[in-house]
Structure formats: structure tokens, C-alpha cells
Amino acid sequence: MKILKWIMKAVVALVTIITLIVLFADDLEHTYNKLTWTPPMEINGIAIGMTRSDVVFKLGEPECFETRNFCWWGNHFIWFKNDMVDAQTSQNQTILSMPFNDTKGMKLFLGDEDIISVTKDFNLRRYTYLKWGATFAFMNDVLVEYTQGFVEWRSTANSVGKYIVKGTVVCPGTECPFDEEGDVKEDFKDRDYTYFIK
């Protein structure tokens, strides 16, 4: 009789667990994704450090500036350094695969950014996460671009209204690395964001 009671309790517990999983599957999946998701380390199969020849083999012949340090394949832009992929940006399919499309969703998955750059007209913001070398650009709070790779001064469309590094407002201010046109000042050309990290 005792064994039958234990079997019945086990069956009820199992049915309850299965019911809860079915009812809350979407919430469980979202929680799992939130805990395990990281920004993509590849765009169209291209990763930082790949050779130019491997990129051309994979994507075909690009259009490039004369220096050939910056090339593009449609909306996929790649910067090369010593014929190796140093950074890349995507404005289409990669951003569609993100589990969020606004800044609230981004912060739910990734937490607070390390660097934020805001345009003077406040329409465009770039959020950089140093841990992954990932930058997300939002136009009117809609994800429009993903950049992966080197982290440099994150200017925004040649006009910087606000620049924050690790929670410290750098621009506007006397230590702002950008001039009125949005270009990096001479004093800061040999420095990077680490100058502001204590």
C-alpha cells in the first residue's frame, strides 16, 4: 500500500511539473536566453582575426576605399588591419537575429553599457560593451546597427552631444575628446576610451 501511495505521489508530481513546463515554456525560454545569450562573435560567418583572403573567399569580391582597409558587401562593412579583420558592422540580417530591438531589451540581456555616445539631436545612440567588443546603435530607440571588433572613440555621425564612459559624463565637458565638428581632438588622437577609466 505504501508503494502505491509513493507511486501516486510521484505521478502527480510528474504531471504537475509537465503542466508547469507547458504553461510557462515561453517564460522559461526567455529566462534561459537572458542568462546565456551573448552578442554574436560572427557576422555572415566572418569573425575578427580572419584573413582578407578567407573573407573574399566566403563573401566574394568587395567594394573598397583606395587604402583597402575598409570594404563592404552590401550592408556588411569590414575594417582590415594587416589584412586581418579588425572590426565589422552589420545593418541588416545580424540585427534581426538579436533577441531585442530596443534599449530596454538590450539592458535586460546585457546590463549597463561601458560607453554610450549620443548625437547632438538625441536621435542616435551607440552603446558599447567592452567585454565583447560589441556596439549596438539605436535610432529613436530601434536597433539599426551592430558593430563587433576594435573599440575606438565611438563618435556618432560627426556630432557628439553626450559621451559617457563607465558612468562618467565626459562630454559635454573640458575633457571631451571631440571638437565642435565631432572629430577627435589632437590631444586625444594617441589615446582611447581607457584614458577615462580609472
N, C-alpha and C. Protein backbone atom coordinates (compact mmCIF):
# COMPACT_ATOMS: atom_id res chain seq x y z
N MET A 1 0.81 -1.20 0.00
CA MET A 1 0.00 0.00 0.00
C MET A 1 0.85 1.27 0.00
N LYS A 2 1.95 1.21 0.80
CA LYS A 2 2.84 2.36 0.86
C LYS A 2 3.48 2.63 -0.51
N ILE A 3 3.84 1.56 -1.19
CA ILE A 3 4.47 1.72 -2.51
C ILE A 3 3.50 2.37 -3.48
N LEU A 4 2.24 1.96 -3.43
CA LEU A 4 1.22 2.55 -4.30
C LEU A 4 1.05 4.04 -4.01
N LYS A 5 1.08 4.42 -2.72
CA LYS A 5 0.99 5.84 -2.35
C LYS A 5 2.16 6.63 -2.93
N TRP A 6 3.36 6.07 -2.82
CA TRP A 6 4.55 6.75 -3.35
C TRP A 6 4.48 6.88 -4.87
N ILE A 7 4.01 5.85 -5.52
CA ILE A 7 3.88 5.88 -6.99
C ILE A 7 2.87 6.96 -7.39
N MET A 8 1.73 7.04 -6.68
CA MET A 8 0.71 8.04 -6.98
C MET A 8 1.25 9.45 -6.76
N LYS A 9 1.99 9.65 -5.68
CA LYS A 9 2.59 10.97 -5.41
C LYS A 9 3.59 11.33 -6.51
N ALA A 10 4.39 10.35 -6.93
CA ALA A 10 5.38 10.60 -7.99
C ALA A 10 4.68 10.96 -9.30
N VAL A 11 3.58 10.26 -9.62
CA VAL A 11 2.83 10.53 -10.85
C VAL A 11 2.22 11.93 -10.79
N VAL A 12 1.62 12.29 -9.67
CA VAL A 12 1.02 13.63 -9.51
C VAL A 12 2.11 14.70 -9.64
N ALA A 13 3.26 14.49 -9.01
CA ALA A 13 4.36 15.45 -9.09
C ALA A 13 4.84 15.58 -10.54
N LEU A 14 4.99 14.46 -11.23
CA LEU A 14 5.43 14.48 -12.62
C LEU A 14 4.43 15.20 -13.51
N VAL A 15 3.14 14.92 -13.35
CA VAL A 15 2.11 15.60 -14.14
C VAL A 15 2.11 17.10 -13.84
N THR A 16 2.30 17.47 -12.58
CA THR A 16 2.35 18.89 -12.20
C THR A 16 3.54 19.58 -12.86
N ILE A 17 4.70 18.93 -12.83
CA ILE A 17 5.91 19.51 -13.44
C ILE A 17 5.72 19.68 -14.94
N ILE A 18 5.20 18.67 -15.60
CA ILE A 18 4.98 18.75 -17.05
C ILE A 18 3.98 19.86 -17.38
N THR A 19 2.92 19.98 -16.59
CA THR A 19 1.92 21.04 -16.80
C THR A 19 2.55 22.42 -16.65
N LEU A 20 3.36 22.58 -15.60
CA LEU A 20 4.03 23.87 -15.40
C LEU A 20 4.99 24.20 -16.54
N ILE A 21 5.71 23.20 -17.01
CA ILE A 21 6.64 23.43 -18.14
C ILE A 21 5.87 23.86 -19.37
N VAL A 22 4.76 23.19 -19.66
CA VAL A 22 3.95 23.54 -20.84
C VAL A 22 3.38 24.95 -20.69
N LEU A 23 2.86 25.26 -19.50
CA LEU A 23 2.25 26.58 -19.28
C LEU A 23 3.26 27.72 -19.33
N PHE A 24 4.47 27.47 -18.83
CA PHE A 24 5.45 28.55 -18.71
C PHE A 24 6.66 28.36 -19.64
N ALA A 25 6.48 27.63 -20.73
CA ALA A 25 7.58 27.34 -21.65
C ALA A 25 8.20 28.62 -22.20
N ASP A 26 7.36 29.58 -22.62
CA ASP A 26 7.88 30.83 -23.18
C ASP A 26 8.69 31.61 -22.15
N ASP A 27 8.18 31.69 -20.92
CA ASP A 27 8.90 32.39 -19.86
C ASP A 27 10.22 31.70 -19.53
N LEU A 28 10.19 30.36 -19.49
CA LEU A 28 11.42 29.61 -19.21
C LEU A 28 12.45 29.82 -20.31
N GLU A 29 11.99 29.80 -21.56
CA GLU A 29 12.90 30.02 -22.69
C GLU A 29 13.51 31.42 -22.63
N HIS A 30 12.67 32.42 -22.33
CA HIS A 30 13.16 33.79 -22.24
C HIS A 30 14.20 33.92 -21.11
N THR A 31 13.90 33.33 -19.97
CA THR A 31 14.83 33.39 -18.84
C THR A 31 16.13 32.68 -19.18
N TYR A 32 16.04 31.52 -19.82
CA TYR A 32 17.25 30.79 -20.23
C TYR A 32 18.07 31.63 -21.20
N ASN A 33 17.41 32.21 -22.21
CA ASN A 33 18.12 33.05 -23.18
C ASN A 33 18.77 34.25 -22.52
N LYS A 34 18.06 34.85 -21.58
CA LYS A 34 18.57 36.02 -20.87
C LYS A 34 19.84 35.68 -20.09
N LEU A 35 19.86 34.49 -19.51
CA LEU A 35 21.01 34.07 -18.71
C LEU A 35 22.19 33.61 -19.56
N THR A 36 21.93 33.13 -20.77
CA THR A 36 23.01 32.53 -21.56
C THR A 36 23.39 33.30 -22.83
N TRP A 37 22.58 34.25 -23.28
CA TRP A 37 22.83 34.91 -24.56
C TRP A 37 24.01 35.88 -24.48
N THR A 38 24.84 35.87 -25.50
CA THR A 38 25.92 36.86 -25.64
C THR A 38 25.87 37.39 -27.07
N PRO A 39 26.42 38.60 -27.30
CA PRO A 39 26.41 39.15 -28.66
C PRO A 39 27.14 38.22 -29.64
N PRO A 40 26.68 38.19 -30.90
CA PRO A 40 27.32 37.32 -31.89
C PRO A 40 28.77 37.70 -32.13
N MET A 41 29.62 36.70 -32.24
CA MET A 41 31.04 36.91 -32.50
C MET A 41 31.35 36.77 -33.99
N GLU A 42 30.33 36.47 -34.79
CA GLU A 42 30.47 36.38 -36.24
C GLU A 42 29.34 37.13 -36.91
N ILE A 43 29.63 37.69 -38.06
CA ILE A 43 28.60 38.29 -38.92
C ILE A 43 28.76 37.66 -40.29
N ASN A 44 27.72 37.04 -40.78
CA ASN A 44 27.76 36.34 -42.07
C ASN A 44 28.92 35.35 -42.14
N GLY A 45 29.24 34.71 -41.02
CA GLY A 45 30.32 33.73 -40.98
C GLY A 45 31.71 34.34 -40.89
N ILE A 46 31.79 35.65 -40.71
CA ILE A 46 33.09 36.34 -40.63
C ILE A 46 33.37 36.69 -39.18
N ALA A 47 34.57 36.36 -38.70
CA ALA A 47 34.96 36.63 -37.32
C ALA A 47 36.19 37.54 -37.30
N ILE A 48 36.36 38.23 -36.20
CA ILE A 48 37.55 39.08 -36.02
C ILE A 48 38.79 38.18 -36.12
N GLY A 49 39.79 38.66 -36.83
CA GLY A 49 41.04 37.90 -36.99
C GLY A 49 41.12 37.08 -38.26
N MET A 50 40.01 36.94 -39.00
CA MET A 50 40.06 36.20 -40.26
C MET A 50 40.90 36.96 -41.28
N THR A 51 41.51 36.25 -42.20
CA THR A 51 42.32 36.89 -43.23
C THR A 51 41.43 37.47 -44.32
N ARG A 52 41.95 38.47 -45.01
CA ARG A 52 41.22 39.08 -46.13
C ARG A 52 40.88 38.01 -47.16
N SER A 53 41.82 37.10 -47.44
CA SER A 53 41.58 36.08 -48.47
C SER A 53 40.43 35.16 -48.07
N ASP A 54 40.32 34.82 -46.77
CA ASP A 54 39.21 33.99 -46.32
C ASP A 54 37.88 34.74 -46.43
N VAL A 55 37.91 36.04 -46.15
CA VAL A 55 36.68 36.85 -46.25
C VAL A 55 36.22 36.92 -47.70
N VAL A 56 37.14 37.19 -48.62
CA VAL A 56 36.78 37.29 -50.04
C VAL A 56 36.30 35.93 -50.55
N PHE A 57 36.95 34.86 -50.10
CA PHE A 57 36.53 33.52 -50.49
C PHE A 57 35.09 33.25 -50.04
N LYS A 58 34.74 33.73 -48.85
CA LYS A 58 33.41 33.49 -48.29
C LYS A 58 32.34 34.43 -48.85
N LEU A 59 32.69 35.73 -49.00
CA LEU A 59 31.69 36.72 -49.38
C LEU A 59 31.78 37.21 -50.82
N GLY A 60 32.87 36.93 -51.51
CA GLY A 60 33.05 37.43 -52.87
C GLY A 60 33.86 38.71 -52.88
N GLU A 61 34.06 39.26 -54.06
CA GLU A 61 34.86 40.48 -54.23
C GLU A 61 34.11 41.68 -53.66
N PRO A 62 34.79 42.47 -52.82
CA PRO A 62 34.12 43.62 -52.19
C PRO A 62 34.33 44.91 -52.96
N GLU A 63 33.64 45.94 -52.49
CA GLU A 63 33.96 47.30 -52.87
C GLU A 63 34.80 47.85 -51.73
N CYS A 64 35.87 48.59 -52.06
CA CYS A 64 36.76 49.09 -51.01
C CYS A 64 37.18 50.52 -51.31
N PHE A 65 37.58 51.23 -50.25
CA PHE A 65 38.26 52.51 -50.45
C PHE A 65 39.66 52.21 -50.98
N GLU A 66 40.34 53.21 -51.51
CA GLU A 66 41.65 53.01 -52.12
C GLU A 66 42.64 52.31 -51.20
N THR A 67 42.59 52.62 -49.91
CA THR A 67 43.55 52.02 -48.99
C THR A 67 43.28 50.54 -48.76
N ARG A 68 42.10 50.08 -49.13
CA ARG A 68 41.65 48.70 -48.96
C ARG A 68 41.58 48.27 -47.49
N ASN A 69 41.63 49.26 -46.58
CA ASN A 69 41.48 48.94 -45.16
C ASN A 69 40.01 48.92 -44.75
N PHE A 70 39.14 49.44 -45.62
CA PHE A 70 37.71 49.46 -45.34
C PHE A 70 36.97 48.99 -46.58
N CYS A 71 36.21 47.88 -46.44
CA CYS A 71 35.50 47.30 -47.58
C CYS A 71 34.06 46.98 -47.15
N TRP A 72 33.20 46.77 -48.15
CA TRP A 72 31.81 46.46 -47.83
C TRP A 72 31.20 45.53 -48.86
N TRP A 73 30.26 44.77 -48.36
CA TRP A 73 29.45 43.84 -49.14
C TRP A 73 28.01 44.17 -48.79
N GLY A 74 27.37 45.04 -49.55
CA GLY A 74 26.02 45.49 -49.21
C GLY A 74 26.03 46.24 -47.90
N ASN A 75 25.29 45.74 -46.90
CA ASN A 75 25.22 46.37 -45.59
C ASN A 75 26.16 45.74 -44.57
N HIS A 76 27.15 45.01 -45.04
CA HIS A 76 28.15 44.40 -44.18
C HIS A 76 29.49 45.12 -44.45
N PHE A 77 29.98 45.84 -43.44
CA PHE A 77 31.18 46.66 -43.57
C PHE A 77 32.31 46.03 -42.74
N ILE A 78 33.50 45.96 -43.32
CA ILE A 78 34.64 45.35 -42.62
C ILE A 78 35.85 46.26 -42.69
N TRP A 79 36.51 46.42 -41.53
CA TRP A 79 37.78 47.14 -41.44
C TRP A 79 38.89 46.11 -41.31
N PHE A 80 39.94 46.27 -42.11
CA PHE A 80 41.09 45.37 -42.06
C PHE A 80 42.30 46.08 -41.47
N LYS A 81 43.09 45.32 -40.75
CA LYS A 81 44.37 45.80 -40.24
C LYS A 81 45.37 44.69 -40.51
N ASN A 82 46.42 45.01 -41.28
CA ASN A 82 47.40 43.99 -41.70
C ASN A 82 46.73 42.80 -42.37
N ASP A 83 45.75 43.09 -43.23
CA ASP A 83 44.99 42.08 -43.97
C ASP A 83 44.24 41.08 -43.10
N MET A 84 43.90 41.50 -41.89
CA MET A 84 43.09 40.69 -40.98
C MET A 84 41.86 41.52 -40.59
N VAL A 85 40.73 40.86 -40.37
CA VAL A 85 39.51 41.55 -39.95
C VAL A 85 39.74 42.14 -38.56
N ASP A 86 39.59 43.46 -38.47
CA ASP A 86 39.79 44.17 -37.20
C ASP A 86 38.45 44.57 -36.58
N ALA A 87 37.46 44.83 -37.41
CA ALA A 87 36.12 45.18 -36.94
C ALA A 87 35.14 45.00 -38.09
N GLN A 88 33.87 44.87 -37.75
CA GLN A 88 32.83 44.74 -38.77
C GLN A 88 31.51 45.24 -38.23
N THR A 89 30.68 45.69 -39.17
CA THR A 89 29.37 46.24 -38.84
C THR A 89 28.33 45.64 -39.75
N SER A 90 27.15 45.40 -39.18
CA SER A 90 26.03 44.91 -39.98
C SER A 90 24.80 45.76 -39.69
N GLN A 91 24.06 46.05 -40.74
CA GLN A 91 22.85 46.85 -40.59
C GLN A 91 21.60 46.08 -41.01
N ASN A 92 21.72 44.77 -41.21
CA ASN A 92 20.51 44.06 -41.66
C ASN A 92 20.31 42.74 -40.94
N GLN A 93 20.66 41.60 -41.55
CA GLN A 93 20.28 40.30 -41.01
C GLN A 93 20.81 40.03 -39.60
N THR A 94 21.96 40.53 -39.25
CA THR A 94 22.50 40.27 -37.92
C THR A 94 21.64 40.92 -36.86
N ILE A 95 21.19 42.14 -37.10
CA ILE A 95 20.37 42.80 -36.08
C ILE A 95 18.99 42.15 -35.98
N LEU A 96 18.55 41.51 -37.05
CA LEU A 96 17.26 40.83 -36.99
C LEU A 96 17.32 39.59 -36.11
N SER A 97 18.52 39.04 -35.92
CA SER A 97 18.67 37.84 -35.09
C SER A 97 18.85 38.16 -33.61
N MET A 98 18.91 39.44 -33.26
CA MET A 98 19.07 39.82 -31.85
C MET A 98 17.77 39.53 -31.09
N PRO A 99 17.87 39.14 -29.83
CA PRO A 99 16.67 38.85 -29.05
C PRO A 99 16.00 40.11 -28.49
N PHE A 100 16.42 41.27 -28.95
CA PHE A 100 15.83 42.54 -28.52
C PHE A 100 15.89 43.51 -29.68
N ASN A 101 15.07 44.56 -29.65
CA ASN A 101 15.13 45.58 -30.69
C ASN A 101 15.11 46.99 -30.13
N ASP A 102 15.13 47.11 -28.79
CA ASP A 102 15.20 48.43 -28.18
C ASP A 102 16.18 48.41 -27.01
N THR A 103 16.47 49.57 -26.44
CA THR A 103 17.49 49.66 -25.39
C THR A 103 17.06 48.96 -24.11
N LYS A 104 15.77 48.97 -23.82
CA LYS A 104 15.31 48.28 -22.61
C LYS A 104 15.60 46.78 -22.71
N GLY A 105 15.30 46.21 -23.86
CA GLY A 105 15.58 44.79 -24.08
C GLY A 105 17.06 44.49 -24.03
N MET A 106 17.88 45.37 -24.63
CA MET A 106 19.33 45.19 -24.60
C MET A 106 19.84 45.14 -23.17
N LYS A 107 19.39 46.09 -22.35
CA LYS A 107 19.87 46.15 -20.96
C LYS A 107 19.38 44.96 -20.15
N LEU A 108 18.20 44.43 -20.48
CA LEU A 108 17.73 43.22 -19.80
C LEU A 108 18.68 42.05 -20.04
N PHE A 109 19.18 41.95 -21.28
CA PHE A 109 20.08 40.85 -21.63
C PHE A 109 21.53 41.12 -21.21
N LEU A 110 22.01 42.35 -21.37
CA LEU A 110 23.44 42.62 -21.23
C LEU A 110 23.82 43.50 -20.04
N GLY A 111 22.85 44.13 -19.42
CA GLY A 111 23.16 45.04 -18.32
C GLY A 111 23.56 46.41 -18.84
N ASP A 112 24.21 47.18 -17.96
CA ASP A 112 24.62 48.53 -18.34
C ASP A 112 25.84 48.50 -19.25
N GLU A 113 25.84 49.44 -20.19
CA GLU A 113 26.93 49.57 -21.16
C GLU A 113 28.16 50.19 -20.50
N ASP A 114 29.31 50.05 -21.17
CA ASP A 114 30.55 50.68 -20.70
C ASP A 114 30.72 52.07 -21.30
N ILE A 115 30.31 52.23 -22.56
CA ILE A 115 30.44 53.52 -23.25
C ILE A 115 29.11 53.82 -23.94
N ILE A 116 28.68 55.06 -23.83
CA ILE A 116 27.49 55.49 -24.58
C ILE A 116 27.83 56.82 -25.25
N SER A 117 27.47 56.91 -26.53
CA SER A 117 27.66 58.13 -27.30
C SER A 117 26.31 58.55 -27.87
N VAL A 118 25.97 59.82 -27.70
CA VAL A 118 24.66 60.33 -28.12
C VAL A 118 24.88 61.51 -29.07
N THR A 119 24.12 61.55 -30.16
CA THR A 119 24.23 62.66 -31.10
C THR A 119 23.65 63.94 -30.50
N LYS A 120 24.04 65.07 -31.08
CA LYS A 120 23.52 66.36 -30.61
C LYS A 120 22.01 66.47 -30.75
N ASP A 121 21.45 65.83 -31.78
CA ASP A 121 19.99 65.89 -31.96
C ASP A 121 19.26 64.82 -31.15
N PHE A 122 20.02 64.00 -30.38
CA PHE A 122 19.49 62.97 -29.47
C PHE A 122 18.81 61.80 -30.17
N ASN A 123 18.87 61.70 -31.49
CA ASN A 123 18.19 60.63 -32.21
C ASN A 123 18.96 59.31 -32.24
N LEU A 124 20.30 59.38 -32.22
CA LEU A 124 21.12 58.18 -32.36
C LEU A 124 21.99 57.99 -31.12
N ARG A 125 22.01 56.76 -30.63
CA ARG A 125 22.87 56.40 -29.50
C ARG A 125 23.63 55.12 -29.84
N ARG A 126 24.90 55.09 -29.42
CA ARG A 126 25.71 53.88 -29.56
C ARG A 126 26.09 53.40 -28.17
N TYR A 127 25.77 52.13 -27.89
CA TYR A 127 26.06 51.52 -26.60
C TYR A 127 27.15 50.47 -26.81
N THR A 128 28.28 50.62 -26.11
CA THR A 128 29.41 49.70 -26.28
C THR A 128 29.62 48.87 -25.02
N TYR A 129 29.80 47.57 -25.24
CA TYR A 129 30.12 46.62 -24.17
C TYR A 129 31.54 46.11 -24.42
N LEU A 130 32.47 46.54 -23.57
CA LEU A 130 33.88 46.23 -23.77
C LEU A 130 34.18 44.74 -23.66
N LYS A 131 33.47 44.03 -22.80
CA LYS A 131 33.70 42.60 -22.59
C LYS A 131 33.65 41.82 -23.90
N TRP A 132 32.74 42.23 -24.78
CA TRP A 132 32.55 41.53 -26.05
C TRP A 132 33.05 42.33 -27.26
N GLY A 133 33.51 43.57 -27.05
CA GLY A 133 33.86 44.41 -28.18
C GLY A 133 32.66 44.64 -29.08
N ALA A 134 31.48 44.80 -28.47
CA ALA A 134 30.23 44.91 -29.21
C ALA A 134 29.60 46.28 -29.00
N THR A 135 29.14 46.86 -30.10
CA THR A 135 28.45 48.15 -30.04
C THR A 135 27.11 48.03 -30.76
N PHE A 136 26.06 48.51 -30.09
CA PHE A 136 24.71 48.49 -30.64
C PHE A 136 24.29 49.93 -30.88
N ALA A 137 23.87 50.25 -32.10
CA ALA A 137 23.41 51.60 -32.43
C ALA A 137 21.88 51.59 -32.52
N PHE A 138 21.27 52.58 -31.87
CA PHE A 138 19.82 52.70 -31.86
C PHE A 138 19.42 54.07 -32.41
N MET A 139 18.50 54.07 -33.36
CA MET A 139 17.93 55.30 -33.89
C MET A 139 16.50 55.38 -33.36
N ASN A 140 16.22 56.42 -32.58
CA ASN A 140 14.91 56.57 -31.96
C ASN A 140 14.47 55.29 -31.26
N ASP A 141 15.40 54.72 -30.50
CA ASP A 141 15.21 53.51 -29.68
C ASP A 141 14.87 52.26 -30.47
N VAL A 142 15.30 52.20 -31.73
CA VAL A 142 15.16 50.99 -32.54
C VAL A 142 16.56 50.57 -32.98
N LEU A 143 16.91 49.31 -32.75
CA LEU A 143 18.23 48.80 -33.13
C LEU A 143 18.42 48.88 -34.64
N VAL A 144 19.48 49.59 -35.08
CA VAL A 144 19.72 49.76 -36.51
C VAL A 144 21.08 49.25 -36.96
N GLU A 145 21.99 48.97 -36.01
CA GLU A 145 23.33 48.56 -36.42
C GLU A 145 24.03 47.81 -35.29
N TYR A 146 24.82 46.81 -35.69
CA TYR A 146 25.64 46.06 -34.74
C TYR A 146 27.08 46.09 -35.22
N THR A 147 27.99 46.48 -34.32
CA THR A 147 29.42 46.53 -34.65
C THR A 147 30.17 45.61 -33.70
N GLN A 148 31.10 44.86 -34.27
CA GLN A 148 31.89 43.94 -33.48
C GLN A 148 33.36 44.14 -33.83
N GLY A 149 34.21 44.15 -32.81
CA GLY A 149 35.64 44.28 -33.07
C GLY A 149 36.26 45.40 -32.27
N PHE A 150 37.27 46.05 -32.86
CA PHE A 150 38.00 47.08 -32.14
C PHE A 150 37.07 48.10 -31.51
N VAL A 151 37.49 48.63 -30.39
CA VAL A 151 36.71 49.68 -29.73
C VAL A 151 37.54 50.95 -29.78
N GLU A 152 37.04 51.92 -30.51
CA GLU A 152 37.71 53.21 -30.64
C GLU A 152 36.80 54.26 -30.07
N TRP A 153 37.16 55.53 -30.24
CA TRP A 153 36.25 56.59 -29.84
C TRP A 153 34.95 56.38 -30.59
N ARG A 154 33.85 56.22 -29.89
CA ARG A 154 32.56 55.97 -30.53
C ARG A 154 31.85 57.29 -30.80
N SER A 155 32.25 57.94 -31.88
CA SER A 155 31.54 59.16 -32.26
C SER A 155 30.24 58.76 -32.95
N THR A 156 29.32 59.68 -33.07
CA THR A 156 28.04 59.37 -33.69
C THR A 156 27.73 60.40 -34.76
N ALA A 157 27.89 59.99 -35.99
CA ALA A 157 27.50 60.82 -37.13
C ALA A 157 28.09 62.23 -37.06
N ASN A 158 29.36 62.32 -36.70
CA ASN A 158 30.11 63.60 -36.67
C ASN A 158 29.52 64.66 -35.76
N SER A 159 28.69 64.28 -34.80
CA SER A 159 28.20 65.27 -33.84
C SER A 159 27.93 64.58 -32.52
N VAL A 160 28.74 64.89 -31.53
CA VAL A 160 28.61 64.24 -30.23
C VAL A 160 27.94 65.20 -29.26
N GLY A 161 26.76 64.83 -28.80
CA GLY A 161 26.05 65.65 -27.83
C GLY A 161 26.39 65.25 -26.40
N LYS A 162 26.58 63.93 -26.22
CA LYS A 162 26.89 63.41 -24.90
C LYS A 162 27.77 62.17 -25.07
N TYR A 163 28.74 62.03 -24.17
CA TYR A 163 29.65 60.88 -24.21
C TYR A 163 29.89 60.45 -22.78
N ILE A 164 29.60 59.19 -22.48
CA ILE A 164 29.71 58.68 -21.12
C ILE A 164 30.57 57.42 -21.14
N VAL A 165 31.60 57.38 -20.28
CA VAL A 165 32.47 56.22 -20.17
C VAL A 165 32.38 55.70 -18.74
N LYS A 166 31.93 54.46 -18.60
CA LYS A 166 31.81 53.81 -17.28
C LYS A 166 31.05 54.68 -16.29
N GLY A 167 29.96 55.30 -16.74
CA GLY A 167 29.12 56.10 -15.88
C GLY A 167 29.57 57.54 -15.67
N THR A 168 30.74 57.92 -16.20
CA THR A 168 31.25 59.28 -16.04
C THR A 168 30.95 60.08 -17.31
N VAL A 169 30.27 61.21 -17.17
CA VAL A 169 29.97 62.07 -18.32
C VAL A 169 31.24 62.79 -18.74
N VAL A 170 31.69 62.50 -19.95
CA VAL A 170 32.92 63.07 -20.49
C VAL A 170 32.59 64.28 -21.37
N CYS A 171 31.51 64.16 -22.14
CA CYS A 171 31.04 65.25 -22.98
C CYS A 171 29.57 65.49 -22.65
N PRO A 172 29.14 66.71 -22.53
CA PRO A 172 29.97 67.92 -22.66
C PRO A 172 30.88 68.07 -21.44
N GLY A 173 31.99 68.74 -21.66
CA GLY A 173 32.94 68.99 -20.59
C GLY A 173 34.30 69.37 -21.13
N THR A 174 35.17 69.81 -20.26
CA THR A 174 36.51 70.26 -20.69
C THR A 174 37.38 69.10 -21.15
N GLU A 175 37.09 67.90 -20.70
CA GLU A 175 37.87 66.72 -21.08
C GLU A 175 37.29 65.99 -22.29
N CYS A 176 36.30 66.56 -22.94
CA CYS A 176 35.66 65.93 -24.09
C CYS A 176 36.68 65.69 -25.20
N PRO A 177 36.81 64.46 -25.71
CA PRO A 177 37.80 64.17 -26.75
C PRO A 177 37.40 64.67 -28.14
N PHE A 178 36.19 65.22 -28.30
CA PHE A 178 35.70 65.63 -29.61
C PHE A 178 35.62 67.15 -29.72
N ASP A 179 35.93 67.67 -30.91
CA ASP A 179 35.76 69.11 -31.14
C ASP A 179 34.32 69.39 -31.60
N GLU A 180 34.04 70.63 -31.96
CA GLU A 180 32.68 71.03 -32.35
C GLU A 180 32.15 70.28 -33.57
N GLU A 181 33.06 69.85 -34.46
CA GLU A 181 32.64 69.12 -35.67
C GLU A 181 32.48 67.63 -35.41
N GLY A 182 32.84 67.19 -34.22
CA GLY A 182 32.73 65.76 -33.90
C GLY A 182 33.99 64.98 -34.17
N ASP A 183 35.07 65.66 -34.58
CA ASP A 183 36.35 64.98 -34.82
C ASP A 183 37.11 64.85 -33.51
N VAL A 184 37.99 63.85 -33.43
CA VAL A 184 38.80 63.65 -32.23
C VAL A 184 39.85 64.75 -32.16
N LYS A 185 39.96 65.41 -30.99
CA LYS A 185 40.93 66.48 -30.80
C LYS A 185 42.35 65.92 -30.87
N GLU A 186 43.30 66.79 -31.25
CA GLU A 186 44.70 66.38 -31.37
C GLU A 186 45.23 65.73 -30.09
N ASP A 187 44.89 66.30 -28.93
CA ASP A 187 45.37 65.78 -27.65
C ASP A 187 44.93 64.34 -27.39
N PHE A 188 43.86 63.91 -28.06
CA PHE A 188 43.30 62.58 -27.80
C PHE A 188 43.55 61.58 -28.92
N LYS A 189 44.24 61.98 -29.98
CA LYS A 189 44.43 61.07 -31.12
C LYS A 189 45.28 59.85 -30.78
N ASP A 190 46.18 59.98 -29.80
CA ASP A 190 47.00 58.84 -29.39
C ASP A 190 46.44 58.14 -28.17
N ARG A 191 45.25 58.50 -27.75
CA ARG A 191 44.60 57.89 -26.59
C ARG A 191 43.35 57.16 -27.04
N ASP A 192 42.75 56.44 -26.12
CA ASP A 192 41.44 55.83 -26.39
C ASP A 192 40.58 55.94 -25.14
N TYR A 193 39.46 55.25 -25.14
CA TYR A 193 38.50 55.34 -24.04
C TYR A 193 39.11 55.00 -22.68
N THR A 194 40.19 54.19 -22.67
CA THR A 194 40.78 53.78 -21.40
C THR A 194 41.33 54.96 -20.61
N TYR A 195 41.56 56.09 -21.29
CA TYR A 195 42.02 57.30 -20.62
C TYR A 195 41.06 57.72 -19.51
N PHE A 196 39.76 57.43 -19.71
CA PHE A 196 38.74 57.84 -18.75
C PHE A 196 38.38 56.75 -17.74
N ILE A 197 39.00 55.60 -17.84
CA ILE A 197 38.71 54.51 -16.89
C ILE A 197 39.78 54.50 -15.83
N LYS A 198 39.38 54.76 -14.63
CA LYS A 198 40.34 54.84 -13.51
C LYS A 198 40.73 53.45 -13.06
